[in-house]
Amino acid sequence: QVQLVESGGGLVQAGDSLRLSCAASGLTFRYLTMGWFRQAPGKERDFIAAINWSASSTNYADSVKGRFTISRDNAKNTVYLQMSRLKPEDTAAYYCAAAQSTYYTGSNYERYDYWGQGTQVTVSS
């Protein structure tokens, strides 16, 4: 049974930092591309970042470039999203996703095969 479990969300103030984690089980983590998406109430799910199996390739949405960093630890089957200089517009539910590809780091959510349940991030002004 494939499971992706996010953690680390919470309520922070604008300018603060937060690190999200996503622990994977039930699949061969090191062969997967991992991504982060977010969805605010009433809005579509947006791509945030992705990282390929070896961490040699990453991709970021323009809205978070320079503020967010995606990383992974294949020994721990975990992917991270380090978020800094948070803004109120970063408020959303954040979802971890896995794509059965070693190279894809794109933003198309249809390319991702497994999803976590999400963790809420709220940034107050």
C-alpha atoms as a PDB file:
ATOM      1  CA  GLN A   1       0.000   0.000   0.000  1.00  0.00           C
ATOM      2  CA  VAL A   2       1.479   3.307  -1.128  1.00  0.00           C
ATOM      3  CA  GLN A   3       1.445   6.064   1.452  1.00  0.00           C
ATOM      4  CA  LEU A   4       2.697   9.625   1.338  1.00  0.00           C
ATOM      5  CA  VAL A   5       2.402  11.414   4.652  1.00  0.00           C
ATOM      6  CA  GLU A   6       3.078  15.127   4.904  1.00  0.00           C
ATOM      7  CA  SER A   7       4.015  16.920   8.096  1.00  0.00           C
ATOM      8  CA  GLY A   8       5.355  20.254   9.241  1.00  0.00           C
ATOM      9  CA  GLY A   9       2.529  22.582   8.346  1.00  0.00           C
ATOM     10  CA  GLY A  10       1.232  25.214  10.705  1.00  0.00           C
ATOM     11  CA  LEU A  11       0.463  28.846  11.378  1.00  0.00           C
ATOM     12  CA  VAL A  12       3.334  31.285  10.913  1.00  0.00           C
ATOM     13  CA  GLN A  13       3.827  34.991  10.373  1.00  0.00           C
ATOM     14  CA  ALA A  14       4.872  36.643   7.145  1.00  0.00           C
ATOM     15  CA  GLY A  15       8.636  36.444   6.734  1.00  0.00           C
ATOM     16  CA  ASP A  16       8.957  33.249   8.762  1.00  0.00           C
ATOM     17  CA  SER A  17      10.316  29.926   7.575  1.00  0.00           C
ATOM     18  CA  LEU A  18       8.813  26.452   7.681  1.00  0.00           C
ATOM     19  CA  ARG A  19       9.953  23.018   6.562  1.00  0.00           C
ATOM     20  CA  LEU A  20       7.536  20.449   5.250  1.00  0.00           C
ATOM     21  CA  SER A  21       8.354  16.759   5.145  1.00  0.00           C
ATOM     22  CA  CYS A  22       6.790  13.935   3.200  1.00  0.00           C
ATOM     23  CA  ALA A  23       7.517  10.368   4.202  1.00  0.00           C
ATOM     24  CA  ALA A  24       6.884   7.701   1.576  1.00  0.00           C
ATOM     25  CA  SER A  25       6.217   4.005   2.062  1.00  0.00           C
ATOM     26  CA  GLY A  26       5.040   1.137  -0.054  1.00  0.00           C
ATOM     27  CA  LEU A  27       7.099   2.046  -3.101  1.00  0.00           C
ATOM     28  CA  THR A  28      10.687   2.223  -4.300  1.00  0.00           C
ATOM     29  CA  PHE A  29      11.360   5.792  -3.338  1.00  0.00           C
ATOM     30  CA  ARG A  30      14.698   6.172  -5.061  1.00  0.00           C
ATOM     31  CA  TYR A  31      13.120   5.546  -8.491  1.00  0.00           C
ATOM     32  CA  LEU A  32      10.545   8.279  -8.137  1.00  0.00           C
ATOM     33  CA  THR A  33      10.314  11.922  -8.974  1.00  0.00           C
ATOM     34  CA  MET A  34       8.831  13.777  -6.014  1.00  0.00           C
ATOM     35  CA  GLY A  35       6.861  16.976  -6.157  1.00  0.00           C
ATOM     36  CA  TRP A  36       5.021  19.501  -4.039  1.00  0.00           C
ATOM     37  CA  PHE A  37       1.775  21.176  -4.986  1.00  0.00           C
ATOM     38  CA  ARG A  38      -0.523  23.508  -3.105  1.00  0.00           C
ATOM     39  CA  GLN A  39      -4.169  24.424  -3.242  1.00  0.00           C
ATOM     40  CA  ALA A  40      -5.843  27.436  -1.702  1.00  0.00           C
ATOM     41  CA  PRO A  41      -9.609  27.469  -1.069  1.00  0.00           C
ATOM     42  CA  GLY A  42     -11.513  28.057  -4.293  1.00  0.00           C
ATOM     43  CA  LYS A  43      -8.395  27.793  -6.426  1.00  0.00           C
ATOM     44  CA  GLU A  44      -6.780  25.144  -8.584  1.00  0.00           C
ATOM     45  CA  ARG A  45      -3.984  22.934  -7.400  1.00  0.00           C
ATOM     46  CA  ASP A  46      -0.700  24.625  -8.305  1.00  0.00           C
ATOM     47  CA  PHE A  47       2.718  23.159  -8.885  1.00  0.00           C
ATOM     48  CA  ILE A  48       5.389  24.293  -6.437  1.00  0.00           C
ATOM     49  CA  ALA A  49       8.502  22.216  -6.953  1.00  0.00           C
ATOM     50  CA  ALA A  50       9.812  18.855  -8.102  1.00  0.00           C
ATOM     51  CA  ILE A  51      13.007  16.865  -7.728  1.00  0.00           C
ATOM     52  CA  ASN A  52      14.196  13.868  -9.712  1.00  0.00           C
ATOM     53  CA  TRP A  53      15.385  10.601  -8.204  1.00  0.00           C
ATOM     54  CA  SER A  54      19.012  11.606  -7.758  1.00  0.00           C
ATOM     55  CA  ALA A  55      18.367  15.240  -6.825  1.00  0.00           C
ATOM     56  CA  SER A  56      20.389  16.241  -9.881  1.00  0.00           C
ATOM     57  CA  SER A  57      17.418  18.112 -11.327  1.00  0.00           C
ATOM     58  CA  THR A  58      14.904  20.391  -9.663  1.00  0.00           C
ATOM     59  CA  ASN A  59      12.135  22.598 -10.938  1.00  0.00           C
ATOM     60  CA  TYR A  60      10.298  25.455  -9.230  1.00  0.00           C
ATOM     61  CA  ALA A  61       7.282  27.599  -9.889  1.00  0.00           C
ATOM     62  CA  ASP A  62       8.196  31.217 -10.489  1.00  0.00           C
ATOM     63  CA  SER A  63       6.153  32.254  -7.470  1.00  0.00           C
ATOM     64  CA  VAL A  64       8.460  30.391  -5.057  1.00  0.00           C
ATOM     65  CA  LYS A  65      11.777  30.485  -6.865  1.00  0.00           C
ATOM     66  CA  GLY A  66      14.481  31.800  -4.545  1.00  0.00           C
ATOM     67  CA  ARG A  67      12.325  31.301  -1.442  1.00  0.00           C
ATOM     68  CA  PHE A  68      11.559  27.565  -1.420  1.00  0.00           C
ATOM     69  CA  THR A  69      13.983  24.652  -1.707  1.00  0.00           C
ATOM     70  CA  ILE A  70      13.061  21.060  -2.420  1.00  0.00           C
ATOM     71  CA  SER A  71      15.365  18.258  -1.307  1.00  0.00           C
ATOM     72  CA  ARG A  72      15.227  14.546  -0.645  1.00  0.00           C
ATOM     73  CA  ASP A  73      16.858  11.872   1.452  1.00  0.00           C
ATOM     74  CA  ASN A  74      16.571   8.543  -0.330  1.00  0.00           C
ATOM     75  CA  ALA A  75      17.882   6.688   2.708  1.00  0.00           C
ATOM     76  CA  LYS A  76      14.912   7.999   4.706  1.00  0.00           C
ATOM     77  CA  ASN A  77      12.339   7.837   1.886  1.00  0.00           C
ATOM     78  CA  THR A  78      11.578  11.467   2.582  1.00  0.00           C
ATOM     79  CA  VAL A  79      11.252  14.621   0.538  1.00  0.00           C
ATOM     80  CA  TYR A  80      11.401  18.083   2.072  1.00  0.00           C
ATOM     81  CA  LEU A  81      10.218  21.550   1.182  1.00  0.00           C
ATOM     82  CA  GLN A  82      12.104  24.308   2.954  1.00  0.00           C
ATOM     83  CA  MET A  83      10.052  27.488   2.765  1.00  0.00           C
ATOM     84  CA  SER A  84      11.480  30.866   3.694  1.00  0.00           C
ATOM     85  CA  ARG A  85      10.277  34.457   3.530  1.00  0.00           C
ATOM     86  CA  LEU A  86       6.731  33.196   3.626  1.00  0.00           C
ATOM     87  CA  LYS A  87       3.949  35.468   2.407  1.00  0.00           C
ATOM     88  CA  PRO A  88       0.222  35.470   3.133  1.00  0.00           C
ATOM     89  CA  GLU A  89      -0.365  34.333  -0.442  1.00  0.00           C
ATOM     90  CA  ASP A  90       1.537  31.138   0.356  1.00  0.00           C
ATOM     91  CA  THR A  91      -1.393  30.096   2.538  1.00  0.00           C
ATOM     92  CA  ALA A  92      -2.736  26.805   1.196  1.00  0.00           C
ATOM     93  CA  ALA A  93      -2.927  23.090   1.724  1.00  0.00           C
ATOM     94  CA  TYR A  94       0.377  21.603   0.602  1.00  0.00           C
ATOM     95  CA  TYR A  95       0.450  18.209  -1.047  1.00  0.00           C
ATOM     96  CA  CYS A  96       3.295  15.826  -1.675  1.00  0.00           C
ATOM     97  CA  ALA A  97       3.170  13.779  -4.888  1.00  0.00           C
ATOM     98  CA  ALA A  98       5.172  10.984  -6.473  1.00  0.00           C
ATOM     99  CA  ALA A  99       5.645  10.266 -10.160  1.00  0.00           C
ATOM    100  CA  GLN A 100       6.795   6.876 -11.392  1.00  0.00           C
ATOM    101  CA  SER A 101       9.592   8.429 -13.375  1.00  0.00           C
ATOM    102  CA  THR A 102      13.250   8.931 -12.647  1.00  0.00           C
ATOM    103  CA  TYR A 103      13.586  12.048 -14.785  1.00  0.00           C
ATOM    104  CA  TYR A 104      10.288  13.958 -14.987  1.00  0.00           C
ATOM    105  CA  THR A 105      10.295  17.170 -12.935  1.00  0.00           C
ATOM    106  CA  GLY A 106       7.443  18.936 -14.633  1.00  0.00           C
ATOM    107  CA  SER A 107       4.404  20.719 -13.324  1.00  0.00           C
ATOM    108  CA  ASN A 108       1.669  18.590 -14.854  1.00  0.00           C
ATOM    109  CA  TYR A 109      -0.208  17.128 -11.908  1.00  0.00           C
ATOM    110  CA  GLU A 110      -1.584  14.358 -14.159  1.00  0.00           C
ATOM    111  CA  ARG A 111       1.918  12.944 -14.422  1.00  0.00           C
ATOM    112  CA  TYR A 112       2.005  12.270 -10.688  1.00  0.00           C
ATOM    113  CA  ASP A 113       0.707   8.897  -9.628  1.00  0.00           C
ATOM    114  CA  TYR A 114       0.442   9.117  -5.854  1.00  0.00           C
ATOM    115  CA  TRP A 115      -0.638  11.888  -3.524  1.00  0.00           C
ATOM    116  CA  GLY A 116      -0.541  12.617   0.160  1.00  0.00           C
ATOM    117  CA  GLN A 117      -3.445  13.925   2.210  1.00  0.00           C
ATOM    118  CA  GLY A 118      -1.993  17.404   2.543  1.00  0.00           C
ATOM    119  CA  THR A 119      -0.781  19.650   5.325  1.00  0.00           C
ATOM    120  CA  GLN A 120      -2.093  23.143   5.942  1.00  0.00           C
ATOM    121  CA  VAL A 121       0.195  26.160   5.878  1.00  0.00           C
ATOM    122  CA  THR A 122      -1.264  29.461   7.029  1.00  0.00           C
ATOM    123  CA  VAL A 123       0.748  32.654   6.835  1.00  0.00           C
ATOM    124  CA  SER A 124      -0.582  35.645   8.715  1.00  0.00           C
ATOM    125  CA  SER A 125       0.276  39.199   7.754  1.00  0.00           C
END
